[in-house]
């Protein structure tokens, strides 16, 4: 007759439980995978598959009874690390959307705001367009594979332990907000330069040919130049996005 005790059950469950919780917290909130149109069962099944497939490369997991106080601390640690990795990726996406906000402000597109189902707030047309483009770019550059590799290697950098907040000293997430402005300005800088030059030219025309109604022709000219600038900016978006994504995920490896 096959018999087993409680200690054996914990020894079988623990190597799979802690990676599963960390991966589930990541894929439950990360952009693209954590959106509302992705079913929860798909995210749970994908997290379980990744945790199961990564067993060969993971370090030994502590065997802890699930009804103990230490188990609650370990659960809190896995959830915090998974949410922090998702927040790091979201910072990169927010930087690209911030570039769209800046460009749309210069072009006059910020008058057309609408509801964004991904964030539950208001988004402008150009910002939403940049968000959709960068979501496709995330898949095309194999960002999902970088994400899986980062979460697997995070068990080497931040192993399962009783201190849930120890990884905060190494990653320092309070400084990540600066990435939004630096990367967003980096992406939007060519578009801002084009629109600034256009406004300077329109200002000179308004002074030289005062009989022209600059307010009537300025808006379509600015919008047309902005759309051309957006078309020229899109091929250049891959490099800063990839560099920023690798740098943010590198903190967990």
Protein backbone atom coordinates (compact mmCIF):
# COMPACT_ATOMS: atom_id res chain seq x y z
CA UNK A 1 0.00 0.00 0.00
CA UNK A 2 1.31 3.42 -0.99
CA UNK A 3 1.72 5.69 2.03
CA UNK A 4 3.25 9.12 2.50
CA UNK A 5 3.35 11.61 5.34
CA UNK A 6 2.93 15.39 5.55
CA UNK A 7 6.66 16.12 5.25
CA UNK A 8 6.81 14.30 1.92
CA UNK A 9 3.86 16.31 0.61
CA UNK A 10 5.57 19.59 1.50
CA UNK A 11 8.78 18.33 -0.15
CA UNK A 12 6.85 17.66 -3.38
CA UNK A 13 4.83 20.88 -3.35
CA UNK A 14 7.48 23.42 -2.30
CA UNK A 15 9.77 23.23 -5.40
CA UNK A 16 6.80 24.08 -7.61
CA UNK A 17 4.77 26.36 -5.36
CA UNK A 18 7.23 29.23 -4.82
CA UNK A 19 8.22 29.63 -8.51
CA UNK A 20 4.56 29.40 -9.48
CA UNK A 21 3.58 32.25 -7.14
CA UNK A 22 6.39 34.50 -8.40
CA UNK A 23 5.64 33.84 -12.07
CA UNK A 24 1.89 34.22 -11.49
CA UNK A 25 2.37 37.61 -9.81
CA UNK A 26 4.49 38.66 -12.79
CA UNK A 27 2.20 37.50 -15.60
CA UNK A 28 -0.89 38.68 -13.76
CA UNK A 29 0.17 42.36 -13.92
CA UNK A 30 2.81 42.69 -16.66
CA UNK A 31 1.81 44.61 -19.82
CA UNK A 32 0.50 42.59 -22.80
CA UNK A 33 -0.10 39.46 -20.68
CA UNK A 34 -1.76 41.17 -17.74
CA UNK A 35 -4.40 43.05 -19.73
CA UNK A 36 -8.07 42.50 -19.08
CA UNK A 37 -8.70 40.80 -22.42
CA UNK A 38 -6.32 37.95 -21.49
CA UNK A 39 -8.30 35.29 -19.57
CA UNK A 40 -7.17 34.59 -16.02
CA UNK A 41 -7.08 30.83 -16.72
CA UNK A 42 -4.58 31.44 -19.52
CA UNK A 43 -2.30 33.39 -17.20
CA UNK A 44 -2.54 30.75 -14.47
CA UNK A 45 -1.84 27.91 -16.91
CA UNK A 46 1.09 29.79 -18.48
CA UNK A 47 2.58 30.52 -15.05
CA UNK A 48 2.28 26.88 -14.01
CA UNK A 49 3.88 25.71 -17.26
CA UNK A 50 6.84 28.08 -16.85
CA UNK A 51 7.33 27.11 -13.20
CA UNK A 52 7.23 23.43 -14.13
CA UNK A 53 9.59 23.76 -17.10
CA UNK A 54 12.12 25.78 -15.09
CA UNK A 55 12.53 23.18 -12.33
CA UNK A 56 15.82 21.88 -13.72
CA UNK A 57 17.53 25.30 -13.56
CA UNK A 58 16.16 26.51 -10.22
CA UNK A 59 18.10 26.32 -6.94
CA UNK A 60 16.81 24.11 -4.13
CA UNK A 61 13.65 25.45 -2.53
CA UNK A 62 13.08 25.48 1.23
CA UNK A 63 10.53 23.00 2.52
CA UNK A 64 8.10 24.95 4.68
CA UNK A 65 4.72 23.96 6.07
CA UNK A 66 2.01 26.07 4.48
CA UNK A 67 0.28 26.70 7.81
CA UNK A 68 3.31 28.41 9.36
CA UNK A 69 4.22 32.08 9.67
CA UNK A 70 7.34 31.53 7.56
CA UNK A 71 5.19 30.34 4.66
CA UNK A 72 3.27 33.62 4.73
CA UNK A 73 6.54 35.55 4.54
CA UNK A 74 7.68 33.44 1.59
CA UNK A 75 4.38 34.01 -0.21
CA UNK A 76 4.73 37.75 0.38
CA UNK A 77 8.28 37.70 -0.98
CA UNK A 78 7.30 35.90 -4.20
CA UNK A 79 4.38 38.22 -4.83
CA UNK A 80 6.48 41.34 -4.20
CA UNK A 81 9.27 40.23 -6.53
CA UNK A 82 6.82 39.27 -9.27
CA UNK A 83 4.96 42.57 -8.96
CA UNK A 84 8.25 44.50 -8.97
CA UNK A 85 9.35 42.85 -12.21
CA UNK A 86 5.98 43.65 -13.79
CA UNK A 87 6.30 47.23 -12.56
CA UNK A 88 9.78 47.49 -14.10
CA UNK A 89 8.41 46.43 -17.49
CA UNK A 90 5.46 48.76 -17.09
CA UNK A 91 7.90 51.65 -16.51
CA UNK A 92 9.37 51.06 -19.98
CA UNK A 93 5.92 50.94 -21.59
CA UNK A 94 4.90 54.10 -19.72
CA UNK A 95 8.01 55.89 -21.00
CA UNK A 96 7.02 55.17 -24.61
CA UNK A 97 3.46 56.31 -23.93
CA UNK A 98 4.87 59.43 -22.29
CA UNK A 99 6.74 60.13 -25.52
CA UNK A 100 3.41 59.93 -27.31
CA UNK A 101 1.90 62.35 -24.80
CA UNK A 102 4.68 64.87 -25.45
CA UNK A 103 4.42 64.50 -29.22
CA UNK A 104 0.64 64.73 -29.14
CA UNK A 105 0.84 67.88 -27.03
CA UNK A 106 3.08 69.54 -29.62
CA UNK A 107 0.90 68.39 -32.52
CA UNK A 108 -2.43 69.29 -30.94
CA UNK A 109 -3.62 65.68 -30.65
CA UNK A 110 -4.14 65.89 -26.91
CA UNK A 111 -7.59 67.32 -27.50
CA UNK A 112 -8.70 63.84 -28.58
CA UNK A 113 -8.63 61.91 -25.33
CA UNK A 114 -10.52 58.66 -24.81
CA UNK A 115 -10.87 55.80 -22.35
CA UNK A 116 -7.94 53.37 -22.19
CA UNK A 117 -9.18 49.86 -21.23
CA UNK A 118 -5.65 48.68 -20.37
CA UNK A 119 -5.11 51.22 -17.58
CA UNK A 120 -8.69 52.25 -16.81
CA UNK A 121 -7.94 55.95 -17.40
CA UNK A 122 -7.82 58.56 -20.10
CA UNK A 123 -5.32 58.32 -22.96
CA UNK A 124 -4.64 60.50 -25.96
CA UNK A 125 -4.64 59.28 -29.54
CA UNK A 126 -0.87 59.37 -30.09
CA UNK A 127 -0.09 57.91 -26.67
CA UNK A 128 -2.47 55.02 -27.27
CA UNK A 129 -0.99 54.48 -30.73
CA UNK A 130 2.53 54.31 -29.28
CA UNK A 131 1.27 51.89 -26.63
CA UNK A 132 -0.16 49.53 -29.24
CA UNK A 133 3.00 49.75 -31.36
CA UNK A 134 5.27 49.02 -28.41
CA UNK A 135 3.09 46.05 -27.42
CA UNK A 136 3.66 44.50 -30.84
CA UNK A 137 7.34 45.44 -30.62
CA UNK A 138 7.57 43.66 -27.26
CA UNK A 139 6.53 40.41 -28.93
CA UNK A 140 8.62 40.93 -32.07
CA UNK A 141 11.88 41.43 -30.15
CA UNK A 142 11.10 38.34 -28.03
CA UNK A 143 10.46 40.42 -24.97
CA UNK A 144 8.36 37.62 -23.52
CA UNK A 145 11.42 35.34 -23.68
CA UNK A 146 13.52 38.01 -21.93
CA UNK A 147 10.83 38.19 -19.29
CA UNK A 148 10.79 34.43 -18.73
CA UNK A 149 14.61 34.30 -18.58
CA UNK A 150 14.64 37.17 -16.07
CA UNK A 151 12.09 35.59 -13.75
CA UNK A 152 13.93 32.25 -13.82
CA UNK A 153 17.29 33.90 -13.12
CA UNK A 154 15.75 36.00 -10.36
CA UNK A 155 15.73 32.89 -8.18
CA UNK A 156 19.54 32.97 -8.31
CA UNK A 157 19.77 36.68 -7.52
CA UNK A 158 16.92 36.72 -4.97
CA UNK A 159 16.41 33.18 -3.67
CA UNK A 160 13.39 32.15 -1.67
CA UNK A 161 14.03 33.28 1.89
CA UNK A 162 12.29 34.58 4.98
CA UNK A 163 13.07 38.28 4.26
CA UNK A 164 10.43 39.55 1.79
CA UNK A 165 11.87 43.08 1.50
CA UNK A 166 15.56 42.23 1.14
CA UNK A 167 15.53 42.59 -2.66
CA UNK A 168 14.40 46.22 -2.37
CA UNK A 169 17.87 47.25 -1.22
CA UNK A 170 19.41 45.91 -4.43
CA UNK A 171 16.80 47.00 -6.97
CA UNK A 172 15.74 50.36 -5.41
CA UNK A 173 12.39 50.70 -7.20
CA UNK A 174 11.89 54.23 -5.84
CA UNK A 175 14.35 55.44 -8.50
CA UNK A 176 12.65 53.79 -11.47
CA UNK A 177 10.30 56.71 -12.10
CA UNK A 178 13.13 58.72 -13.64
CA UNK A 179 13.23 56.19 -16.49
CA UNK A 180 9.83 57.40 -17.69
CA UNK A 181 11.05 60.93 -18.31
CA UNK A 182 14.54 60.10 -19.62
CA UNK A 183 13.41 57.41 -22.05
CA UNK A 184 10.25 59.31 -23.05
CA UNK A 185 12.22 62.44 -23.91
CA UNK A 186 14.81 60.34 -25.74
CA UNK A 187 12.14 58.85 -28.00
CA UNK A 188 10.19 62.08 -28.49
CA UNK A 189 13.21 64.34 -29.05
CA UNK A 190 13.32 64.06 -32.90
CA UNK A 191 9.59 64.76 -33.11
CA UNK A 192 9.88 67.72 -30.72
CA UNK A 193 12.78 69.14 -32.76
CA UNK A 194 10.78 68.92 -36.01
CA UNK A 195 7.74 70.59 -34.48
CA UNK A 196 9.86 73.29 -32.84
CA UNK A 197 11.44 74.13 -36.19
CA UNK A 198 7.96 74.19 -37.78
CA UNK A 199 6.67 76.60 -35.14
CA UNK A 200 9.69 78.85 -35.65
CA UNK A 201 9.02 78.94 -39.39
CA UNK A 202 5.34 79.71 -38.79
CA UNK A 203 6.34 82.49 -36.41
CA UNK A 204 8.62 84.04 -39.05
CA UNK A 205 5.83 83.79 -41.64
CA UNK A 206 3.43 85.49 -39.23
CA UNK A 207 5.85 88.41 -38.85
CA UNK A 208 6.79 88.72 -42.54
CA UNK A 209 3.36 88.13 -44.14
CA UNK A 210 1.00 89.55 -41.57
CA UNK A 211 -1.95 89.37 -43.94
CA UNK A 212 -1.90 85.55 -43.70
CA UNK A 213 -4.10 83.97 -41.05
CA UNK A 214 -1.43 81.89 -39.31
CA UNK A 215 -3.98 80.35 -36.92
CA UNK A 216 -5.91 78.90 -39.86
CA UNK A 217 -2.93 77.29 -41.59
CA UNK A 218 -0.75 76.58 -38.55
CA UNK A 219 -2.77 73.72 -37.12
CA UNK A 220 -2.93 71.54 -40.29
CA UNK A 221 0.73 72.24 -41.06
CA UNK A 222 1.79 71.30 -37.53
CA UNK A 223 -0.33 68.16 -37.62
CA UNK A 224 1.02 67.13 -41.02
CA UNK A 225 4.64 67.65 -39.96
CA UNK A 226 3.92 65.76 -36.73
CA UNK A 227 2.48 62.78 -38.59
CA UNK A 228 5.56 62.69 -40.83
CA UNK A 229 7.72 62.85 -37.71
CA UNK A 230 5.80 59.97 -36.12
CA UNK A 231 6.29 57.90 -39.28
CA UNK A 232 10.05 58.59 -39.16
CA UNK A 233 10.25 57.95 -35.40
CA UNK A 234 8.64 54.50 -35.40
CA UNK A 235 11.64 52.64 -36.99
CA UNK A 236 13.95 54.22 -34.41
CA UNK A 237 11.88 53.13 -31.40
CA UNK A 238 13.26 49.60 -31.18
CA UNK A 239 16.74 50.48 -29.92
CA UNK A 240 15.82 52.65 -26.90
CA UNK A 241 12.95 50.34 -25.96
CA UNK A 242 15.15 47.23 -26.10
CA UNK A 243 17.98 48.88 -24.16
CA UNK A 244 15.63 50.12 -21.44
CA UNK A 245 13.84 46.76 -21.17
CA UNK A 246 17.11 44.83 -20.83
CA UNK A 247 18.42 47.31 -18.26
CA UNK A 248 15.29 47.09 -16.10
CA UNK A 249 15.13 43.30 -16.25
CA UNK A 250 18.89 43.07 -15.65
CA UNK A 251 18.37 44.23 -12.07
CA UNK A 252 16.62 40.93 -11.30
CA UNK A 253 19.24 38.68 -12.86
